[in-house]
N, C-alpha and C. Protein backbone atom coordinates (compact mmCIF):
# COMPACT_ATOMS: atom_id res chain seq x y z
N MET A 1 177.48 215.92 139.26
CA MET A 1 176.79 216.46 140.42
C MET A 1 177.53 216.01 141.67
N ASP A 2 177.86 216.94 142.53
CA ASP A 2 178.55 216.56 143.76
C ASP A 2 177.54 216.12 144.81
N SER A 3 178.05 215.60 145.93
CA SER A 3 177.17 215.05 146.97
C SER A 3 176.31 216.12 147.60
N ASP A 4 176.79 217.38 147.63
CA ASP A 4 176.00 218.47 148.20
C ASP A 4 174.76 218.72 147.35
N ASP A 5 174.91 218.69 145.99
CA ASP A 5 173.76 218.85 145.10
C ASP A 5 172.79 217.68 145.26
N SER A 6 173.33 216.48 145.35
CA SER A 6 172.50 215.29 145.54
C SER A 6 171.73 215.37 146.85
N SER A 7 172.38 215.85 147.89
CA SER A 7 171.74 216.00 149.19
C SER A 7 170.60 217.00 149.11
N LYS A 8 170.83 218.11 148.41
CA LYS A 8 169.78 219.13 148.25
C LYS A 8 168.62 218.59 147.42
N ASP A 9 168.92 217.78 146.40
CA ASP A 9 167.86 217.18 145.59
C ASP A 9 166.99 216.24 146.42
N LYS A 10 167.63 215.45 147.27
CA LYS A 10 166.88 214.53 148.11
C LYS A 10 166.07 215.28 149.16
N GLU A 11 166.64 216.36 149.67
CA GLU A 11 165.92 217.19 150.62
C GLU A 11 164.69 217.80 149.95
N GLN A 12 164.85 218.29 148.74
CA GLN A 12 163.72 218.86 148.00
C GLN A 12 162.66 217.79 147.70
N LEU A 13 163.12 216.60 147.32
CA LEU A 13 162.20 215.49 147.07
C LEU A 13 161.38 215.21 148.32
N PHE A 14 162.05 215.16 149.47
CA PHE A 14 161.35 214.88 150.72
C PHE A 14 160.31 215.96 151.01
N PHE A 15 160.67 217.22 150.89
CA PHE A 15 159.73 218.30 151.16
C PHE A 15 158.56 218.27 150.18
N ASP A 16 158.83 217.94 148.94
CA ASP A 16 157.76 217.81 147.95
C ASP A 16 156.83 216.66 148.31
N MET A 17 157.40 215.56 148.78
CA MET A 17 156.58 214.41 149.20
C MET A 17 155.68 214.79 150.37
N VAL A 18 156.23 215.48 151.34
CA VAL A 18 155.44 215.90 152.50
C VAL A 18 154.30 216.81 152.05
N GLU A 19 154.62 217.80 151.25
CA GLU A 19 153.62 218.76 150.80
C GLU A 19 152.52 218.09 149.97
N THR A 20 152.91 217.18 149.11
CA THR A 20 151.97 216.56 148.19
C THR A 20 151.14 215.46 148.85
N TYR A 21 151.74 214.64 149.71
CA TYR A 21 151.09 213.42 150.16
C TYR A 21 150.72 213.37 151.65
N GLN A 22 151.08 214.36 152.42
CA GLN A 22 150.87 214.29 153.86
C GLN A 22 149.40 214.04 154.23
N ASP A 23 148.49 214.77 153.65
CA ASP A 23 147.08 214.60 153.98
C ASP A 23 146.56 213.22 153.56
N ALA A 24 146.92 212.78 152.39
CA ALA A 24 146.46 211.47 151.90
C ALA A 24 147.03 210.34 152.76
N ILE A 25 148.28 210.45 153.14
CA ILE A 25 148.89 209.42 153.99
C ILE A 25 148.22 209.41 155.36
N PHE A 26 147.93 210.59 155.89
CA PHE A 26 147.22 210.66 157.18
C PHE A 26 145.86 209.96 157.07
N ARG A 27 145.08 210.27 156.02
CA ARG A 27 143.77 209.63 155.84
C ARG A 27 143.90 208.12 155.71
N PHE A 28 144.90 207.69 154.95
CA PHE A 28 145.16 206.26 154.76
C PHE A 28 145.39 205.58 156.11
N ILE A 29 146.17 206.21 156.95
CA ILE A 29 146.49 205.66 158.28
C ILE A 29 145.28 205.78 159.21
N TYR A 30 144.65 206.94 159.21
CA TYR A 30 143.51 207.17 160.11
C TYR A 30 142.39 206.18 159.84
N PHE A 31 142.15 205.85 158.59
CA PHE A 31 141.14 204.87 158.22
C PHE A 31 141.36 203.55 158.96
N ARG A 32 142.59 203.22 159.22
CA ARG A 32 142.92 201.95 159.86
C ARG A 32 142.94 202.02 161.38
N VAL A 33 143.43 203.11 161.93
CA VAL A 33 143.60 203.17 163.39
C VAL A 33 142.47 203.93 164.09
N THR A 34 141.73 204.77 163.38
CA THR A 34 140.57 205.53 163.87
C THR A 34 140.84 206.34 165.12
N ASN A 35 142.06 206.66 165.37
CA ASN A 35 142.41 207.52 166.49
C ASN A 35 143.31 208.60 165.93
N ARG A 36 142.86 209.85 166.03
CA ARG A 36 143.57 210.96 165.39
C ARG A 36 145.01 211.08 165.90
N ALA A 37 145.19 211.00 167.21
CA ALA A 37 146.54 211.16 167.77
C ALA A 37 147.46 210.03 167.30
N VAL A 38 146.95 208.82 167.29
CA VAL A 38 147.76 207.68 166.83
C VAL A 38 148.07 207.82 165.35
N ALA A 39 147.07 208.24 164.58
CA ALA A 39 147.28 208.42 163.14
C ALA A 39 148.33 209.50 162.87
N LEU A 40 148.29 210.57 163.64
CA LEU A 40 149.30 211.62 163.48
C LEU A 40 150.69 211.09 163.82
N ASP A 41 150.79 210.30 164.89
CA ASP A 41 152.08 209.71 165.27
C ASP A 41 152.61 208.77 164.18
N ILE A 42 151.74 207.93 163.67
CA ILE A 42 152.17 206.98 162.63
C ILE A 42 152.53 207.72 161.35
N THR A 43 151.79 208.78 161.04
CA THR A 43 152.11 209.59 159.86
C THR A 43 153.49 210.22 160.02
N GLN A 44 153.74 210.78 161.19
CA GLN A 44 155.07 211.37 161.44
C GLN A 44 156.15 210.30 161.36
N ASP A 45 155.88 209.14 161.93
CA ASP A 45 156.84 208.04 161.88
C ASP A 45 157.11 207.63 160.42
N THR A 46 156.06 207.60 159.62
CA THR A 46 156.21 207.24 158.21
C THR A 46 157.15 208.20 157.49
N PHE A 47 156.92 209.49 157.67
CA PHE A 47 157.77 210.48 157.00
C PHE A 47 159.19 210.49 157.57
N THR A 48 159.32 210.19 158.86
CA THR A 48 160.65 210.09 159.45
C THR A 48 161.43 208.94 158.82
N LYS A 49 160.76 207.81 158.63
CA LYS A 49 161.40 206.65 158.00
C LYS A 49 161.83 206.98 156.56
N VAL A 50 160.97 207.71 155.86
CA VAL A 50 161.31 208.10 154.49
C VAL A 50 162.52 209.04 154.49
N TRP A 51 162.55 209.98 155.42
CA TRP A 51 163.68 210.91 155.52
C TRP A 51 164.97 210.14 155.81
N LEU A 52 164.91 209.21 156.75
CA LEU A 52 166.10 208.42 157.09
C LEU A 52 166.56 207.58 155.90
N TYR A 53 165.62 207.07 155.15
CA TYR A 53 165.94 206.28 153.96
C TYR A 53 166.70 207.14 152.95
N LEU A 54 166.19 208.35 152.72
CA LEU A 54 166.86 209.26 151.79
C LEU A 54 168.21 209.72 152.33
N ALA A 55 168.26 210.01 153.64
CA ALA A 55 169.50 210.48 154.26
C ALA A 55 170.59 209.41 154.21
N ALA A 56 170.18 208.15 154.12
CA ALA A 56 171.14 207.06 154.02
C ALA A 56 171.71 206.93 152.61
N GLY A 57 171.28 207.83 151.71
CA GLY A 57 171.83 207.82 150.36
C GLY A 57 171.05 206.99 149.38
N LYS A 58 169.92 206.47 149.79
CA LYS A 58 169.11 205.63 148.90
C LYS A 58 168.20 206.51 148.06
N THR A 59 167.73 205.96 146.95
CA THR A 59 166.87 206.72 146.05
C THR A 59 165.47 206.12 146.06
N ILE A 60 164.51 206.95 145.70
CA ILE A 60 163.11 206.54 145.62
C ILE A 60 162.63 206.84 144.21
N ASP A 61 162.29 205.79 143.47
CA ASP A 61 161.85 205.97 142.09
C ASP A 61 160.38 206.36 141.99
N HIS A 62 159.55 205.81 142.88
CA HIS A 62 158.11 206.07 142.87
C HIS A 62 157.70 206.56 144.25
N PRO A 63 157.79 207.87 144.49
CA PRO A 63 157.57 208.41 145.84
C PRO A 63 156.22 208.06 146.46
N GLU A 64 155.14 208.16 145.70
CA GLU A 64 153.83 207.89 146.28
C GLU A 64 153.70 206.43 146.70
N ALA A 65 154.09 205.52 145.83
CA ALA A 65 154.02 204.11 146.16
C ALA A 65 154.91 203.79 147.36
N PHE A 66 156.08 204.39 147.40
CA PHE A 66 157.00 204.17 148.52
C PHE A 66 156.37 204.66 149.83
N LEU A 67 155.74 205.83 149.80
CA LEU A 67 155.09 206.37 151.00
C LEU A 67 153.96 205.47 151.47
N TYR A 68 153.11 205.04 150.57
CA TYR A 68 151.99 204.17 150.97
C TYR A 68 152.49 202.84 151.52
N ARG A 69 153.52 202.29 150.91
CA ARG A 69 154.08 201.04 151.40
C ARG A 69 154.67 201.23 152.80
N THR A 70 155.37 202.33 153.00
CA THR A 70 155.95 202.63 154.32
C THR A 70 154.85 202.84 155.34
N ALA A 71 153.80 203.56 154.97
CA ALA A 71 152.67 203.80 155.87
C ALA A 71 151.95 202.49 156.20
N ARG A 72 151.74 201.67 155.20
CA ARG A 72 151.07 200.37 155.42
C ARG A 72 151.88 199.52 156.40
N ASN A 73 153.18 199.49 156.23
CA ASN A 73 154.04 198.73 157.14
C ASN A 73 154.02 199.31 158.54
N ALA A 74 153.96 200.64 158.66
CA ALA A 74 153.91 201.28 159.98
C ALA A 74 152.60 200.94 160.69
N VAL A 75 151.51 200.88 159.94
CA VAL A 75 150.21 200.50 160.53
C VAL A 75 150.26 199.04 160.98
N ILE A 76 150.81 198.19 160.15
CA ILE A 76 150.94 196.77 160.52
C ILE A 76 151.76 196.64 161.80
N ASP A 77 152.86 197.36 161.87
CA ASP A 77 153.69 197.33 163.09
C ASP A 77 152.89 197.81 164.30
N PHE A 78 152.10 198.86 164.13
CA PHE A 78 151.29 199.37 165.22
C PHE A 78 150.33 198.30 165.73
N PHE A 79 149.63 197.63 164.80
CA PHE A 79 148.66 196.62 165.22
C PHE A 79 149.33 195.38 165.79
N LYS A 80 150.51 195.07 165.32
CA LYS A 80 151.24 193.95 165.93
C LYS A 80 151.54 194.26 167.38
N LYS A 81 151.84 195.52 167.66
CA LYS A 81 152.14 195.93 169.02
C LYS A 81 150.88 196.00 169.87
N SER A 82 149.80 196.50 169.31
CA SER A 82 148.60 196.74 170.11
C SER A 82 147.58 195.60 170.09
N LYS A 83 147.66 194.75 169.04
CA LYS A 83 146.74 193.61 168.90
C LYS A 83 145.27 194.04 168.97
N SER A 84 144.95 195.18 168.36
CA SER A 84 143.57 195.67 168.47
C SER A 84 142.96 196.08 167.14
N ALA A 85 143.13 195.28 166.11
CA ALA A 85 142.58 195.64 164.81
C ALA A 85 141.19 195.04 164.66
N SER A 86 140.15 195.83 164.85
CA SER A 86 138.81 195.33 164.62
C SER A 86 137.94 196.38 163.97
N LEU A 87 136.99 195.95 163.20
CA LEU A 87 136.09 196.88 162.54
C LEU A 87 135.24 197.62 163.56
N ASP A 88 134.87 196.95 164.67
CA ASP A 88 134.08 197.64 165.70
C ASP A 88 134.83 198.85 166.23
N THR A 89 136.11 198.68 166.47
CA THR A 89 136.92 199.80 166.95
C THR A 89 136.96 200.91 165.90
N MET A 90 137.07 200.52 164.64
CA MET A 90 137.09 201.50 163.57
C MET A 90 135.77 202.27 163.52
N MET A 91 134.65 201.56 163.67
CA MET A 91 133.35 202.22 163.60
C MET A 91 133.14 203.14 164.80
N GLU A 92 133.62 202.76 165.96
CA GLU A 92 133.53 203.63 167.13
C GLU A 92 134.31 204.93 166.90
N GLY A 93 135.34 204.86 166.10
CA GLY A 93 136.14 206.04 165.78
C GLY A 93 135.58 206.86 164.65
N GLY A 94 134.42 206.45 164.10
CA GLY A 94 133.78 207.26 163.08
C GLY A 94 133.79 206.67 161.68
N PHE A 95 134.40 205.52 161.48
CA PHE A 95 134.41 204.89 160.17
C PHE A 95 133.00 204.43 159.80
N ASP A 96 132.55 204.78 158.61
CA ASP A 96 131.23 204.40 158.15
C ASP A 96 131.36 203.63 156.84
N PRO A 97 131.32 202.30 156.92
CA PRO A 97 131.48 201.53 155.69
C PRO A 97 130.38 201.81 154.67
N GLY A 98 129.24 202.30 155.12
CA GLY A 98 128.15 202.62 154.21
C GLY A 98 128.48 203.74 153.26
N SER A 99 129.49 204.55 153.60
CA SER A 99 129.85 205.66 152.71
C SER A 99 130.83 205.22 151.63
N ASN A 100 131.34 204.03 151.74
CA ASN A 100 132.30 203.52 150.77
C ASN A 100 131.61 203.32 149.42
N LYS A 101 132.14 203.94 148.36
CA LYS A 101 131.52 203.86 147.05
C LYS A 101 131.42 202.42 146.54
N ALA A 102 132.40 201.61 146.86
CA ALA A 102 132.36 200.21 146.40
C ALA A 102 131.17 199.51 147.03
N VAL A 103 130.99 199.74 148.30
CA VAL A 103 129.88 199.11 149.00
C VAL A 103 128.57 199.64 148.44
N ASP A 104 128.48 200.94 148.20
CA ASP A 104 127.26 201.52 147.63
C ASP A 104 126.94 200.90 146.28
N GLU A 105 127.98 200.70 145.45
CA GLU A 105 127.75 200.11 144.13
C GLU A 105 127.28 198.67 144.24
N VAL A 106 127.87 197.93 145.15
CA VAL A 106 127.54 196.51 145.28
C VAL A 106 126.17 196.32 145.91
N PHE A 107 125.88 197.08 146.94
CA PHE A 107 124.70 196.80 147.74
C PHE A 107 123.55 197.76 147.52
N ARG A 108 123.78 198.86 146.83
CA ARG A 108 122.74 199.82 146.47
C ARG A 108 121.84 200.20 147.64
N GLY A 109 122.46 200.60 148.75
CA GLY A 109 121.70 201.15 149.87
C GLY A 109 121.06 200.13 150.79
N ASP A 110 121.39 198.87 150.67
CA ASP A 110 120.80 197.86 151.55
C ASP A 110 121.33 197.98 152.97
N ASP A 111 120.94 197.08 153.79
CA ASP A 111 121.20 197.07 155.22
C ASP A 111 122.67 197.32 155.58
N ILE A 112 122.94 198.44 156.23
CA ILE A 112 124.30 198.84 156.58
C ILE A 112 124.92 197.89 157.59
N ALA A 113 124.14 197.38 158.51
CA ALA A 113 124.67 196.44 159.51
C ALA A 113 125.21 195.19 158.82
N THR A 114 124.51 194.72 157.81
CA THR A 114 124.97 193.55 157.06
C THR A 114 126.27 193.87 156.33
N ILE A 115 126.33 195.05 155.75
CA ILE A 115 127.53 195.46 155.03
C ILE A 115 128.72 195.54 155.97
N ARG A 116 128.50 196.12 157.15
CA ARG A 116 129.58 196.21 158.13
C ARG A 116 130.11 194.84 158.49
N SER A 117 129.21 193.91 158.72
CA SER A 117 129.66 192.57 159.08
C SER A 117 130.39 191.90 157.93
N LEU A 118 129.98 192.18 156.71
CA LEU A 118 130.66 191.61 155.55
C LEU A 118 132.06 192.18 155.38
N LEU A 119 132.20 193.49 155.57
CA LEU A 119 133.53 194.09 155.46
C LEU A 119 134.47 193.51 156.51
N GLU A 120 133.91 193.19 157.66
CA GLU A 120 134.73 192.62 158.73
C GLU A 120 135.28 191.24 158.36
N THR A 121 134.58 190.55 157.45
CA THR A 121 135.03 189.22 157.04
C THR A 121 136.23 189.25 156.10
N LEU A 122 136.50 190.43 155.53
CA LEU A 122 137.65 190.55 154.63
C LEU A 122 138.95 190.61 155.41
N ASP A 123 140.00 190.11 154.80
CA ASP A 123 141.32 190.26 155.42
C ASP A 123 141.74 191.73 155.32
N GLU A 124 142.69 192.12 156.15
CA GLU A 124 143.12 193.51 156.24
C GLU A 124 143.58 194.05 154.88
N GLU A 125 144.33 193.27 154.14
CA GLU A 125 144.83 193.74 152.85
C GLU A 125 143.69 194.02 151.88
N SER A 126 142.69 193.16 151.86
CA SER A 126 141.54 193.38 150.97
C SER A 126 140.79 194.65 151.36
N ARG A 127 140.61 194.88 152.66
CA ARG A 127 139.96 196.12 153.10
C ARG A 127 140.79 197.33 152.67
N GLN A 128 142.12 197.22 152.76
CA GLN A 128 142.99 198.33 152.35
C GLN A 128 142.85 198.60 150.86
N ILE A 129 142.81 197.56 150.08
CA ILE A 129 142.69 197.71 148.63
C ILE A 129 141.36 198.37 148.28
N ILE A 130 140.28 197.93 148.90
CA ILE A 130 138.96 198.53 148.66
C ILE A 130 138.97 199.99 149.09
N PHE A 131 139.60 200.28 150.22
CA PHE A 131 139.70 201.67 150.69
C PHE A 131 140.44 202.52 149.66
N LEU A 132 141.59 202.08 149.21
CA LEU A 132 142.38 202.86 148.26
C LEU A 132 141.62 203.08 146.96
N ARG A 133 140.96 202.05 146.49
CA ARG A 133 140.30 202.14 145.19
C ARG A 133 139.04 202.99 145.24
N TYR A 134 138.21 202.80 146.27
CA TYR A 134 136.90 203.43 146.24
C TYR A 134 136.73 204.61 147.20
N THR A 135 137.48 204.66 148.27
CA THR A 135 137.39 205.80 149.16
C THR A 135 138.41 206.86 148.76
N GLU A 136 139.65 206.45 148.56
CA GLU A 136 140.69 207.38 148.13
C GLU A 136 140.67 207.60 146.62
N GLU A 137 139.90 206.78 145.90
CA GLU A 137 139.76 206.86 144.44
C GLU A 137 141.10 206.81 143.72
N ARG A 138 141.96 205.93 144.19
CA ARG A 138 143.27 205.76 143.58
C ARG A 138 143.15 204.92 142.31
N PRO A 139 143.89 205.25 141.29
CA PRO A 139 143.89 204.43 140.08
C PRO A 139 144.46 203.04 140.37
N ILE A 140 143.98 202.09 139.64
CA ILE A 140 144.43 200.72 139.83
C ILE A 140 145.93 200.61 139.64
N GLU A 141 146.49 201.40 138.73
CA GLU A 141 147.93 201.37 138.49
C GLU A 141 148.71 201.70 139.76
N GLU A 142 148.24 202.69 140.51
CA GLU A 142 148.93 203.07 141.75
C GLU A 142 148.81 201.99 142.81
N ILE A 143 147.62 201.41 142.93
CA ILE A 143 147.41 200.35 143.92
C ILE A 143 148.27 199.14 143.57
N ALA A 144 148.31 198.81 142.30
CA ALA A 144 149.13 197.67 141.85
C ALA A 144 150.59 197.91 142.19
N ASP A 145 151.07 199.12 141.95
CA ASP A 145 152.46 199.46 142.25
C ASP A 145 152.72 199.36 143.75
N LEU A 146 151.78 199.84 144.55
CA LEU A 146 151.91 199.80 146.00
C LEU A 146 152.07 198.37 146.52
N TYR A 147 151.33 197.45 145.94
CA TYR A 147 151.37 196.06 146.38
C TYR A 147 152.32 195.19 145.57
N GLY A 148 153.03 195.81 144.63
CA GLY A 148 154.00 195.06 143.85
C GLY A 148 153.36 194.05 142.91
N LYS A 149 152.19 194.39 142.39
CA LYS A 149 151.45 193.49 141.48
C LYS A 149 151.29 194.17 140.13
N SER A 150 150.97 193.37 139.12
CA SER A 150 150.67 193.95 137.81
C SER A 150 149.28 194.58 137.86
N VAL A 151 149.01 195.48 136.93
CA VAL A 151 147.70 196.12 136.85
C VAL A 151 146.62 195.06 136.64
N ASN A 152 146.90 194.11 135.76
CA ASN A 152 145.94 193.05 135.49
C ASN A 152 145.65 192.24 136.75
N ALA A 153 146.68 191.88 137.49
CA ALA A 153 146.49 191.10 138.72
C ALA A 153 145.68 191.89 139.75
N MET A 154 145.94 193.20 139.85
CA MET A 154 145.20 194.01 140.82
C MET A 154 143.75 194.18 140.38
N THR A 155 143.51 194.33 139.09
CA THR A 155 142.14 194.44 138.59
C THR A 155 141.35 193.18 138.94
N VAL A 156 141.97 192.04 138.73
CA VAL A 156 141.34 190.76 139.05
C VAL A 156 141.09 190.67 140.56
N ARG A 157 142.07 191.10 141.35
CA ARG A 157 141.93 191.05 142.82
C ARG A 157 140.75 191.90 143.28
N ILE A 158 140.63 193.11 142.77
CA ILE A 158 139.52 193.99 143.16
C ILE A 158 138.19 193.37 142.74
N HIS A 159 138.14 192.86 141.53
CA HIS A 159 136.92 192.21 141.05
C HIS A 159 136.54 191.05 141.97
N ARG A 160 137.50 190.26 142.37
CA ARG A 160 137.22 189.10 143.24
C ARG A 160 136.76 189.53 144.63
N ILE A 161 137.34 190.60 145.15
CA ILE A 161 136.91 191.10 146.46
C ILE A 161 135.45 191.55 146.40
N ILE A 162 135.11 192.32 145.38
CA ILE A 162 133.74 192.80 145.21
C ILE A 162 132.79 191.62 145.00
N LYS A 163 133.20 190.67 144.21
CA LYS A 163 132.38 189.48 143.97
C LYS A 163 132.16 188.70 145.27
N LYS A 164 133.20 188.58 146.06
CA LYS A 164 133.10 187.89 147.35
C LYS A 164 132.10 188.61 148.26
N LEU A 165 132.19 189.93 148.31
CA LEU A 165 131.25 190.70 149.12
C LEU A 165 129.81 190.53 148.61
N ARG A 166 129.65 190.59 147.31
CA ARG A 166 128.32 190.43 146.71
C ARG A 166 127.75 189.05 147.04
N ASN A 167 128.55 188.00 146.88
CA ASN A 167 128.09 186.64 147.17
C ASN A 167 127.73 186.47 148.64
N ARG A 168 128.55 186.99 149.52
CA ARG A 168 128.26 186.88 150.95
C ARG A 168 126.99 187.64 151.31
N PHE A 169 126.80 188.79 150.67
CA PHE A 169 125.59 189.57 150.91
C PHE A 169 124.36 188.79 150.46
N GLU A 170 124.42 188.23 149.27
CA GLU A 170 123.29 187.45 148.75
C GLU A 170 123.00 186.26 149.64
N GLU A 171 124.04 185.58 150.14
CA GLU A 171 123.84 184.46 151.06
C GLU A 171 123.14 184.90 152.33
N GLN A 172 123.54 186.03 152.88
CA GLN A 172 122.91 186.53 154.10
C GLN A 172 121.46 186.92 153.84
N GLU A 173 121.19 187.51 152.70
CA GLU A 173 119.83 187.89 152.36
C GLU A 173 118.94 186.66 152.22
N GLN A 174 119.45 185.60 151.60
CA GLN A 174 118.70 184.36 151.48
C GLN A 174 118.45 183.74 152.85
N TRP A 175 119.45 183.79 153.70
CA TRP A 175 119.32 183.25 155.05
C TRP A 175 118.25 184.02 155.83
N LYS A 176 118.22 185.34 155.67
CA LYS A 176 117.21 186.17 156.36
C LYS A 176 115.79 185.83 155.89
N GLN A 177 115.65 185.50 154.61
CA GLN A 177 114.34 185.21 154.06
C GLN A 177 113.83 183.84 154.49
N ASN A 178 114.71 182.95 154.88
CA ASN A 178 114.30 181.59 155.28
C ASN A 178 114.01 181.48 156.73
């Protein structure tokens, strides 16, 4: 295969990635920044970085995982610049933690304000993992690949995050009763 064929293959890969993952990557980013214009900019930046990576002659073995990792890094860069990552800002932009299936399973319709405060206590990566697993309904295998972990390690991590949320919820409920 000559370099012209390789270039066309990479171009096709890029267009396939855009067509297949653009909406999901936008939602992934929007969930974090809660501003449509900013999310669109970061999404465009993400795909630009992927294009430049391919144009530099590099290969991508797992396109979806590569895209999510690139998007996650772009969001981190955005927040490093803006210093404004808070759940309150996310909720003002329309984020409703009560709609999260993980939260619904753990708390079974209990006090949404308590749930919001509990989600805020999680580190950013844990919130991202919960989002991918229960809002985006991504398989654990994909999430594990995105974070460079084994499936077993990611399963344990998700279980621990949910357990942490459940324990904190129960503590708050006991505190309210006293």
